[in-house]
Protein backbone atom coordinates (compact mmCIF):
# COMPACT_ATOMS: atom_id res chain seq x y z
CA UNK A 1 3.44 -7.43 11.09
CA UNK A 2 0.71 -4.96 11.76
CA UNK A 3 -1.94 -6.22 14.22
CA UNK A 4 -5.01 -7.37 12.30
CA UNK A 5 -3.19 -7.19 8.97
CA UNK A 6 -1.04 -10.29 8.59
CA UNK A 7 0.25 -9.30 5.16
CA UNK A 8 1.28 -5.76 6.14
CA UNK A 9 4.57 -4.97 7.88
CA UNK A 10 6.11 -1.75 9.12
CA UNK A 11 9.34 -0.73 7.42
CA UNK A 12 11.63 2.11 8.41
CA UNK A 13 11.74 4.97 5.93
CA UNK A 14 13.19 8.47 5.85
CA UNK A 15 9.97 9.89 7.27
CA UNK A 16 9.61 7.30 10.03
CA UNK A 17 7.69 4.13 9.26
CA UNK A 18 5.97 2.93 6.14
CA UNK A 19 3.37 0.19 5.74
CA UNK A 20 4.64 -2.40 3.26
CA UNK A 21 3.03 -5.50 1.75
CA UNK A 22 5.05 -8.35 3.28
CA UNK A 23 7.49 -10.02 0.91
CA UNK A 24 7.13 -7.41 -1.83
CA UNK A 25 8.83 -4.16 -0.89
CA UNK A 26 5.71 -2.38 -2.17
CA UNK A 27 4.27 0.28 0.07
CA UNK A 28 0.56 0.31 0.78
CA UNK A 29 0.56 3.79 -0.76
CA UNK A 30 1.95 2.37 -4.04
CA UNK A 31 -0.68 -0.36 -4.11
CA UNK A 32 -3.47 2.17 -3.53
CA UNK A 33 -2.21 4.39 -6.37
CA UNK A 34 -2.12 1.35 -8.67
CA UNK A 35 -5.58 0.29 -7.51
CA UNK A 36 -6.92 3.72 -8.46
CA UNK A 37 -5.22 3.48 -11.86
CA UNK A 38 -7.07 0.19 -12.43
CA UNK A 39 -10.48 1.62 -11.42
CA UNK A 40 -10.54 -0.34 -8.17
CA UNK A 41 -9.96 -3.74 -9.78
CA UNK A 42 -8.09 -5.91 -7.29
CA UNK A 43 -7.33 -8.54 -9.96
CA UNK A 44 -5.93 -6.05 -12.47
CA UNK A 45 -3.89 -4.31 -9.79
CA UNK A 46 -2.46 -7.61 -8.59
CA UNK A 47 -1.53 -8.60 -12.13
CA UNK A 48 0.10 -5.27 -12.92
CA UNK A 49 2.15 -5.30 -9.71
CA UNK A 50 3.01 -9.00 -9.90
CA UNK A 51 1.51 -9.79 -6.50
CA UNK A 52 -1.47 -11.82 -5.31
CA UNK A 53 -5.01 -10.52 -5.06
CA UNK A 54 -4.93 -11.28 -1.33
CA UNK A 55 -1.98 -8.90 -0.96
CA UNK A 56 -3.85 -6.12 -2.78
CA UNK A 57 -6.91 -6.79 -0.59
CA UNK A 58 -4.74 -6.61 2.54
CA UNK A 59 -3.31 -3.26 1.42
CA UNK A 60 -6.82 -1.96 0.76
CA UNK A 61 -8.02 -3.11 4.19
CA UNK A 62 -5.03 -1.42 5.84
CA UNK A 63 -5.70 1.74 3.84
CA UNK A 64 -9.34 1.81 4.91
CA UNK A 65 -8.25 1.90 8.56
CA UNK A 66 -5.35 4.32 8.02
CA UNK A 67 -6.49 6.50 5.11
CA UNK A 68 -5.18 9.79 6.51
CA UNK A 69 -1.65 8.47 6.95
CA UNK A 70 -1.57 6.72 3.57
CA UNK A 71 -3.02 9.76 1.76
CA UNK A 72 -0.24 11.90 3.29
CA UNK A 73 2.34 9.44 1.91
CA UNK A 74 0.70 9.53 -1.52
CA UNK A 75 0.68 13.33 -1.48
CA UNK A 76 4.33 13.45 -0.39
CA UNK A 77 5.35 11.04 -3.17
CA UNK A 78 3.45 13.13 -5.70
CA UNK A 79 5.33 16.26 -4.70
CA UNK A 80 8.70 14.51 -4.79
CA UNK A 81 9.13 14.49 -1.03
CA UNK A 82 8.61 10.79 -0.41
């Protein structure tokens, strides 16, 4: 688990480590992309991903503290590198 973020774990990936919502396999980057697609609605994002609102909120909190790293993952995924 990531200190201060009980619902976020670090998972090994090809590029090193990736922040993942515990028990879901969903990366924080994936949750943030979905959150943007739902105009910032935590409830809609949770429903669309099949996870709890508290998990979406945890991903958002993690993102807010690690935006640069998560944005790099989002960019890499968008270019087919991630």
